[in-house]
Structures are given as C-alpha cells and as structure tokens.
Amino acid sequence: MPDGFKTNGREFREQLEASKAALAQEALLWHKKICFLLLTGVIYKTPVDTGRARGNWQSSIGQPLASQSPILDKTGNIAFAAGAAVLAQLRPFQTFWLSNNLPYIERLEDGWSKRQAPNGFVGLTLAHIRTIL
C-alpha cells in the first residue's frame, strides 16, 4: 500500500472526527436554545397565585424528577435560574427534562385558571417554539 494513502486516510479520519465534534457542538447549541425557550415560556406563562406551580418547575438531565418542590416562586425567577444552571451542564445528545409534579398542573394547562391562562401555557410555548424552528 502506498505510504501517501495511509497519510491521506489518517488525515481523512482526523477531519471526519473534527467534523463530528463540530456537528455535536452545533447540535448542542440548538438544543440549548430550544430548551431555553421552553424554560422561559413554560415557567413565565404558568399562572400564579401562591407561586407553588411556578416553583415546582424542575429541570434535570437524563430523566425527569419525580418529586415536588416546597419553593413558592411567584416571579418564576428561582425556577428559571435553577433550570438555566442545569441547562448549562447539558452535553451533546443528552435529554433535558422540565417537569412539574403538582397534582393540579394538568388542570392549569387545561385552562383551569380562566383569567391568567385560559389556553394553557405548555402547549402555547411548544407552538411558539415550532414557529421559530
């Protein structure tokens, strides 16, 4: 086998690996942007009375959290900051989860809060993200 072929093959493999790494980083950037939009929309559109519903938005990587949070967060800033901190740890091809385990969160999404979120907030946020993509 000619010596130049080995060099070219090695160079090709190195270029391929570099392209693969660059693609993974580009995908991660898009993934983080989408998750950021999800965090922002869902948390800040969640209806607020005591702040319990907003305070129960919990972010995780790999699997959803099954617990409830005792945090009352009327502004949503605590839940958002916690979610942004988790999002900063996201690596290529990992799954980001945003969960809320309050027993009444689905009722809120279904329009239970007629004054603040008659059309929900999760579905509206997902529809908004789809228009951006």
N, C-alpha and C. Protein backbone atom coordinates (compact mmCIF):
# COMPACT_ATOMS: atom_id res chain seq x y z
N MET A 1 0.85 -1.17 0.00
CA MET A 1 0.00 0.00 0.00
C MET A 1 0.89 1.24 0.00
N PRO A 2 0.63 2.18 -0.89
CA PRO A 2 1.47 3.38 -0.96
C PRO A 2 1.42 4.15 0.36
N ASP A 3 2.56 4.71 0.74
CA ASP A 3 2.67 5.43 2.01
C ASP A 3 1.73 6.64 2.05
N GLY A 4 1.55 7.33 0.93
CA GLY A 4 0.68 8.51 0.88
C GLY A 4 -0.77 8.18 1.20
N PHE A 5 -1.19 6.97 0.86
CA PHE A 5 -2.57 6.56 1.14
C PHE A 5 -2.82 6.50 2.63
N LYS A 6 -1.87 5.99 3.40
CA LYS A 6 -2.01 5.93 4.85
C LYS A 6 -2.13 7.33 5.44
N THR A 7 -1.30 8.22 4.97
CA THR A 7 -1.34 9.60 5.45
C THR A 7 -2.68 10.23 5.11
N ASN A 8 -3.11 10.07 3.87
CA ASN A 8 -4.39 10.65 3.46
C ASN A 8 -5.55 10.02 4.22
N GLY A 9 -5.47 8.72 4.45
CA GLY A 9 -6.50 8.05 5.22
C GLY A 9 -6.54 8.56 6.65
N ARG A 10 -5.37 8.77 7.24
CA ARG A 10 -5.28 9.28 8.60
C ARG A 10 -5.82 10.72 8.65
N GLU A 11 -5.44 11.51 7.67
CA GLU A 11 -5.92 12.89 7.61
C GLU A 11 -7.44 12.92 7.44
N PHE A 12 -7.94 12.03 6.58
CA PHE A 12 -9.38 11.96 6.37
C PHE A 12 -10.10 11.60 7.68
N ARG A 13 -9.58 10.62 8.40
CA ARG A 13 -10.18 10.21 9.67
C ARG A 13 -10.16 11.37 10.68
N GLU A 14 -9.05 12.10 10.73
CA GLU A 14 -8.93 13.25 11.63
C GLU A 14 -9.94 14.33 11.26
N GLN A 15 -10.08 14.59 9.98
CA GLN A 15 -11.05 15.58 9.51
C GLN A 15 -12.48 15.14 9.83
N LEU A 16 -12.72 13.85 9.64
CA LEU A 16 -14.04 13.31 9.94
C LEU A 16 -14.37 13.46 11.43
N GLU A 17 -13.41 13.14 12.28
CA GLU A 17 -13.60 13.28 13.73
C GLU A 17 -13.82 14.74 14.12
N ALA A 18 -13.07 15.64 13.50
CA ALA A 18 -13.24 17.07 13.78
C ALA A 18 -14.62 17.55 13.34
N SER A 19 -15.07 17.07 12.19
CA SER A 19 -16.40 17.44 11.71
C SER A 19 -17.48 16.90 12.63
N LYS A 20 -17.28 15.67 13.10
CA LYS A 20 -18.24 15.05 14.02
C LYS A 20 -18.34 15.86 15.32
N ALA A 21 -17.20 16.28 15.85
CA ALA A 21 -17.19 17.08 17.07
C ALA A 21 -17.85 18.44 16.84
N ALA A 22 -17.58 19.06 15.72
CA ALA A 22 -18.18 20.36 15.41
C ALA A 22 -19.69 20.23 15.25
N LEU A 23 -20.14 19.16 14.61
CA LEU A 23 -21.57 18.91 14.44
C LEU A 23 -22.25 18.69 15.79
N ALA A 24 -21.61 17.95 16.67
CA ALA A 24 -22.16 17.71 18.01
C ALA A 24 -22.30 19.03 18.77
N GLN A 25 -21.32 19.90 18.65
CA GLN A 25 -21.38 21.19 19.34
C GLN A 25 -22.46 22.09 18.75
N GLU A 26 -22.63 22.05 17.44
CA GLU A 26 -23.68 22.83 16.79
C GLU A 26 -25.06 22.32 17.21
N ALA A 27 -25.21 21.01 17.27
CA ALA A 27 -26.48 20.42 17.72
C ALA A 27 -26.76 20.79 19.17
N LEU A 28 -25.72 20.78 20.00
CA LEU A 28 -25.88 21.16 21.40
C LEU A 28 -26.32 22.61 21.54
N LEU A 29 -25.75 23.48 20.73
CA LEU A 29 -26.14 24.89 20.78
C LEU A 29 -27.62 25.06 20.45
N TRP A 30 -28.09 24.38 19.41
CA TRP A 30 -29.51 24.44 19.05
C TRP A 30 -30.38 23.83 20.15
N HIS A 31 -29.94 22.72 20.70
CA HIS A 31 -30.67 22.04 21.76
C HIS A 31 -30.83 22.99 22.95
N LYS A 32 -29.76 23.66 23.33
CA LYS A 32 -29.81 24.59 24.47
C LYS A 32 -30.72 25.78 24.17
N LYS A 33 -30.70 26.27 22.95
CA LYS A 33 -31.58 27.39 22.58
C LYS A 33 -33.05 26.98 22.71
N ILE A 34 -33.37 25.80 22.22
CA ILE A 34 -34.75 25.31 22.30
C ILE A 34 -35.16 25.12 23.75
N CYS A 35 -34.29 24.54 24.56
CA CYS A 35 -34.59 24.33 25.98
C CYS A 35 -34.73 25.65 26.72
N PHE A 36 -33.94 26.63 26.34
CA PHE A 36 -34.04 27.97 26.94
C PHE A 36 -35.42 28.57 26.64
N LEU A 37 -35.87 28.44 25.40
CA LEU A 37 -37.20 28.92 25.04
C LEU A 37 -38.28 28.18 25.81
N LEU A 38 -38.09 26.88 25.99
CA LEU A 38 -39.04 26.08 26.76
C LEU A 38 -39.09 26.57 28.20
N LEU A 39 -37.95 26.72 28.83
CA LEU A 39 -37.89 27.21 30.21
C LEU A 39 -38.59 28.55 30.35
N THR A 40 -38.21 29.48 29.50
CA THR A 40 -38.76 30.83 29.57
C THR A 40 -40.28 30.82 29.40
N GLY A 41 -40.74 30.17 28.35
CA GLY A 41 -42.16 30.17 28.06
C GLY A 41 -42.99 29.47 29.12
N VAL A 42 -42.63 28.26 29.45
CA VAL A 42 -43.45 27.47 30.38
C VAL A 42 -43.46 28.09 31.77
N ILE A 43 -42.30 28.44 32.29
CA ILE A 43 -42.25 28.97 33.65
C ILE A 43 -42.99 30.30 33.76
N TYR A 44 -42.69 31.23 32.87
CA TYR A 44 -43.28 32.56 33.00
C TYR A 44 -44.73 32.66 32.52
N LYS A 45 -45.21 31.67 31.79
CA LYS A 45 -46.62 31.65 31.39
C LYS A 45 -47.48 30.86 32.37
N THR A 46 -46.85 30.14 33.31
CA THR A 46 -47.61 29.38 34.29
C THR A 46 -48.40 30.35 35.17
N PRO A 47 -49.69 30.12 35.34
CA PRO A 47 -50.49 31.01 36.19
C PRO A 47 -49.95 31.03 37.61
N VAL A 48 -50.09 32.19 38.26
CA VAL A 48 -49.53 32.32 39.60
C VAL A 48 -50.57 32.84 40.58
N ASP A 49 -50.65 32.15 41.72
CA ASP A 49 -51.44 32.60 42.86
C ASP A 49 -50.47 32.67 44.04
N THR A 50 -50.09 31.53 44.57
CA THR A 50 -49.13 31.49 45.67
C THR A 50 -47.70 31.36 45.17
N GLY A 51 -47.51 30.94 43.92
CA GLY A 51 -46.18 30.69 43.38
C GLY A 51 -45.79 29.23 43.45
N ARG A 52 -46.69 28.40 43.94
CA ARG A 52 -46.37 26.98 44.07
C ARG A 52 -46.19 26.31 42.71
N ALA A 53 -47.07 26.63 41.77
CA ALA A 53 -46.97 26.00 40.44
C ALA A 53 -45.68 26.41 39.73
N ARG A 54 -45.36 27.70 39.76
CA ARG A 54 -44.11 28.14 39.13
C ARG A 54 -42.90 27.57 39.85
N GLY A 55 -42.95 27.51 41.15
CA GLY A 55 -41.83 26.99 41.92
C GLY A 55 -41.60 25.51 41.76
N ASN A 56 -42.56 24.81 41.20
CA ASN A 56 -42.43 23.36 41.03
C ASN A 56 -41.90 22.95 39.67
N TRP A 57 -41.57 23.89 38.81
CA TRP A 57 -40.92 23.52 37.56
C TRP A 57 -39.49 23.15 37.89
N GLN A 58 -39.14 21.90 37.62
CA GLN A 58 -37.84 21.35 37.97
C GLN A 58 -37.14 20.83 36.71
N SER A 59 -35.91 21.22 36.56
CA SER A 59 -35.12 20.83 35.40
C SER A 59 -34.14 19.73 35.79
N SER A 60 -33.91 18.82 34.85
CA SER A 60 -32.96 17.73 35.08
C SER A 60 -32.43 17.24 33.75
N ILE A 61 -31.38 16.45 33.83
CA ILE A 61 -30.77 15.84 32.65
C ILE A 61 -30.85 14.33 32.80
N GLY A 62 -31.26 13.66 31.75
CA GLY A 62 -31.27 12.19 31.74
C GLY A 62 -32.61 11.58 32.07
N GLN A 63 -33.26 12.05 33.11
CA GLN A 63 -34.59 11.55 33.47
C GLN A 63 -35.33 12.63 34.24
N PRO A 64 -36.66 12.61 34.16
CA PRO A 64 -37.43 13.65 34.87
C PRO A 64 -37.39 13.40 36.38
N LEU A 65 -37.48 14.48 37.13
CA LEU A 65 -37.56 14.36 38.58
C LEU A 65 -38.99 13.97 38.95
N ALA A 66 -39.14 13.18 39.99
CA ALA A 66 -40.45 12.70 40.40
C ALA A 66 -40.93 13.38 41.67
N SER A 67 -40.17 14.32 42.18
CA SER A 67 -40.51 14.97 43.45
C SER A 67 -41.27 16.27 43.24
N GLN A 68 -41.74 16.83 44.34
CA GLN A 68 -42.34 18.16 44.35
C GLN A 68 -41.41 19.08 45.12
N SER A 69 -41.39 20.32 44.73
CA SER A 69 -40.54 21.31 45.39
C SER A 69 -41.38 22.12 46.38
N PRO A 70 -40.82 22.44 47.54
CA PRO A 70 -41.54 23.27 48.51
C PRO A 70 -41.44 24.77 48.19
N ILE A 71 -40.70 25.12 47.15
CA ILE A 71 -40.43 26.53 46.84
C ILE A 71 -41.67 27.23 46.29
N LEU A 72 -41.98 28.39 46.86
CA LEU A 72 -43.01 29.28 46.34
C LEU A 72 -42.27 30.34 45.53
N ASP A 73 -42.59 30.44 44.26
CA ASP A 73 -41.84 31.30 43.35
C ASP A 73 -42.81 32.10 42.49
N LYS A 74 -43.35 33.18 43.04
CA LYS A 74 -44.33 33.97 42.29
C LYS A 74 -43.77 34.56 41.00
N THR A 75 -42.52 34.96 41.01
CA THR A 75 -41.94 35.56 39.81
C THR A 75 -41.49 34.53 38.79
N GLY A 76 -41.17 33.33 39.23
CA GLY A 76 -40.62 32.31 38.35
C GLY A 76 -39.11 32.39 38.22
N ASN A 77 -38.51 33.41 38.82
CA ASN A 77 -37.07 33.61 38.67
C ASN A 77 -36.24 32.52 39.32
N ILE A 78 -36.71 31.96 40.43
CA ILE A 78 -35.96 30.89 41.10
C ILE A 78 -35.95 29.64 40.23
N ALA A 79 -37.13 29.25 39.74
CA ALA A 79 -37.22 28.06 38.89
C ALA A 79 -36.43 28.26 37.59
N PHE A 80 -36.49 29.46 37.04
CA PHE A 80 -35.76 29.73 35.81
C PHE A 80 -34.26 29.66 36.05
N ALA A 81 -33.77 30.26 37.12
CA ALA A 81 -32.33 30.23 37.42
C ALA A 81 -31.84 28.80 37.64
N ALA A 82 -32.64 28.01 38.36
CA ALA A 82 -32.27 26.61 38.58
C ALA A 82 -32.24 25.85 37.26
N GLY A 83 -33.22 26.10 36.40
CA GLY A 83 -33.25 25.45 35.10
C GLY A 83 -32.09 25.87 34.21
N ALA A 84 -31.74 27.14 34.24
CA ALA A 84 -30.61 27.62 33.45
C ALA A 84 -29.30 26.99 33.92
N ALA A 85 -29.18 26.78 35.24
CA ALA A 85 -27.98 26.14 35.77
C ALA A 85 -27.87 24.69 35.31
N VAL A 86 -28.99 24.00 35.27
CA VAL A 86 -29.00 22.61 34.77
C VAL A 86 -28.69 22.62 33.27
N LEU A 87 -29.29 23.54 32.56
CA LEU A 87 -29.10 23.63 31.11
C LEU A 87 -27.63 23.88 30.76
N ALA A 88 -26.94 24.63 31.59
CA ALA A 88 -25.52 24.90 31.35
C ALA A 88 -24.68 23.62 31.42
N GLN A 89 -25.16 22.61 32.11
CA GLN A 89 -24.45 21.34 32.25
C GLN A 89 -24.76 20.35 31.13
N LEU A 90 -25.71 20.68 30.28
CA LEU A 90 -26.12 19.78 29.21
C LEU A 90 -24.98 19.51 28.24
N ARG A 91 -24.80 18.26 27.87
CA ARG A 91 -23.77 17.84 26.92
C ARG A 91 -24.45 17.29 25.66
N PRO A 92 -23.70 17.17 24.58
CA PRO A 92 -24.32 16.70 23.34
C PRO A 92 -25.09 15.39 23.52
N PHE A 93 -26.27 15.37 22.96
CA PHE A 93 -27.14 14.21 22.86
C PHE A 93 -27.72 13.74 24.19
N GLN A 94 -27.65 14.58 25.23
CA GLN A 94 -28.34 14.27 26.48
C GLN A 94 -29.77 14.79 26.40
N THR A 95 -30.63 14.25 27.25
CA THR A 95 -32.03 14.67 27.28
C THR A 95 -32.23 15.65 28.44
N PHE A 96 -32.81 16.80 28.13
CA PHE A 96 -33.15 17.81 29.12
C PHE A 96 -34.63 17.64 29.47
N TRP A 97 -34.93 17.62 30.77
CA TRP A 97 -36.30 17.45 31.23
C TRP A 97 -36.76 18.67 32.01
N LEU A 98 -37.99 19.07 31.78
CA LEU A 98 -38.65 20.10 32.58
C LEU A 98 -39.94 19.45 33.09
N SER A 99 -40.03 19.27 34.39
CA SER A 99 -41.17 18.55 34.95
C SER A 99 -41.81 19.34 36.09
N ASN A 100 -43.07 19.05 36.29
CA ASN A 100 -43.83 19.66 37.38
C ASN A 100 -44.77 18.57 37.88
N ASN A 101 -44.62 18.19 39.13
CA ASN A 101 -45.37 17.05 39.66
C ASN A 101 -46.51 17.43 40.59
N LEU A 102 -46.96 18.67 40.51
CA LEU A 102 -48.12 19.05 41.31
C LEU A 102 -49.36 18.34 40.78
N PRO A 103 -50.24 17.92 41.68
CA PRO A 103 -51.42 17.18 41.23
C PRO A 103 -52.36 17.99 40.35
N TYR A 104 -52.27 19.31 40.41
CA TYR A 104 -53.20 20.14 39.63
C TYR A 104 -52.55 20.82 38.42
N ILE A 105 -51.32 20.48 38.08
CA ILE A 105 -50.65 21.16 36.97
C ILE A 105 -51.36 20.90 35.63
N GLU A 106 -51.89 19.70 35.45
CA GLU A 106 -52.61 19.41 34.20
C GLU A 106 -53.90 20.21 34.11
N ARG A 107 -54.57 20.41 35.23
CA ARG A 107 -55.79 21.23 35.22
C ARG A 107 -55.44 22.67 34.83
N LEU A 108 -54.31 23.18 35.35
CA LEU A 108 -53.89 24.53 34.95
C LEU A 108 -53.62 24.59 33.45
N GLU A 109 -52.96 23.57 32.92
CA GLU A 109 -52.68 23.53 31.48
C GLU A 109 -53.96 23.45 30.67
N ASP A 110 -54.98 22.81 31.23
CA ASP A 110 -56.26 22.67 30.53
C ASP A 110 -57.15 23.90 30.67
N GLY A 111 -56.64 24.99 31.27
CA GLY A 111 -57.39 26.24 31.31
C GLY A 111 -58.12 26.51 32.61
N TRP A 112 -57.77 25.82 33.66
CA TRP A 112 -58.43 26.00 34.96
C TRP A 112 -58.31 27.44 35.44
N SER A 113 -57.21 28.09 35.15
CA SER A 113 -57.03 29.49 35.50
C SER A 113 -57.57 30.34 34.36
N LYS A 114 -58.86 30.57 34.38
CA LYS A 114 -59.54 31.26 33.28
C LYS A 114 -59.00 32.66 33.03
N ARG A 115 -58.57 33.34 34.11
CA ARG A 115 -58.11 34.71 33.98
C ARG A 115 -56.66 34.78 33.47
N GLN A 116 -55.79 33.89 33.96
CA GLN A 116 -54.36 34.00 33.63
C GLN A 116 -53.92 33.12 32.47
N ALA A 117 -54.47 31.93 32.36
CA ALA A 117 -54.01 31.01 31.31
C ALA A 117 -55.17 30.16 30.80
N PRO A 118 -56.17 30.81 30.20
CA PRO A 118 -57.33 30.03 29.74
C PRO A 118 -56.99 29.05 28.62
N ASN A 119 -55.89 29.31 27.91
CA ASN A 119 -55.47 28.43 26.81
C ASN A 119 -54.22 27.62 27.15
N GLY A 120 -53.92 27.53 28.43
CA GLY A 120 -52.75 26.78 28.85
C GLY A 120 -51.47 27.57 28.74
N PHE A 121 -50.36 26.87 28.86
CA PHE A 121 -49.05 27.53 28.81
C PHE A 121 -48.00 26.61 28.21
N VAL A 122 -48.07 25.32 28.46
CA VAL A 122 -47.10 24.39 27.87
C VAL A 122 -47.36 24.28 26.36
N GLY A 123 -48.59 24.02 26.00
CA GLY A 123 -48.94 23.90 24.58
C GLY A 123 -48.65 25.16 23.80
N LEU A 124 -48.95 26.32 24.42
CA LEU A 124 -48.67 27.60 23.76
C LEU A 124 -47.17 27.79 23.55
N THR A 125 -46.40 27.42 24.55
CA THR A 125 -44.95 27.54 24.43
C THR A 125 -44.40 26.63 23.34
N LEU A 126 -44.88 25.39 23.30
CA LEU A 126 -44.42 24.46 22.26
C LEU A 126 -44.81 24.95 20.87
N ALA A 127 -46.00 25.51 20.74
CA ALA A 127 -46.43 26.05 19.45
C ALA A 127 -45.54 27.22 19.03
N HIS A 128 -45.18 28.06 19.99
CA HIS A 128 -44.29 29.19 19.71
C HIS A 128 -42.91 28.69 19.26
N ILE A 129 -42.39 27.69 19.93
CA ILE A 129 -41.08 27.13 19.55
C ILE A 129 -41.13 26.54 18.15
N ARG A 130 -42.23 25.87 17.82
CA ARG A 130 -42.38 25.29 16.47
C ARG A 130 -42.34 26.38 15.40
N THR A 131 -42.94 27.55 15.67
CA THR A 131 -42.92 28.62 14.68
C THR A 131 -41.51 29.17 14.48
N ILE A 132 -40.72 29.16 15.53
CA ILE A 132 -39.34 29.63 15.43
C ILE A 132 -38.48 28.66 14.63
N LEU A 133 -38.72 27.37 14.84
CA LEU A 133 -37.93 26.35 14.14
C LEU A 133 -38.36 26.26 12.69
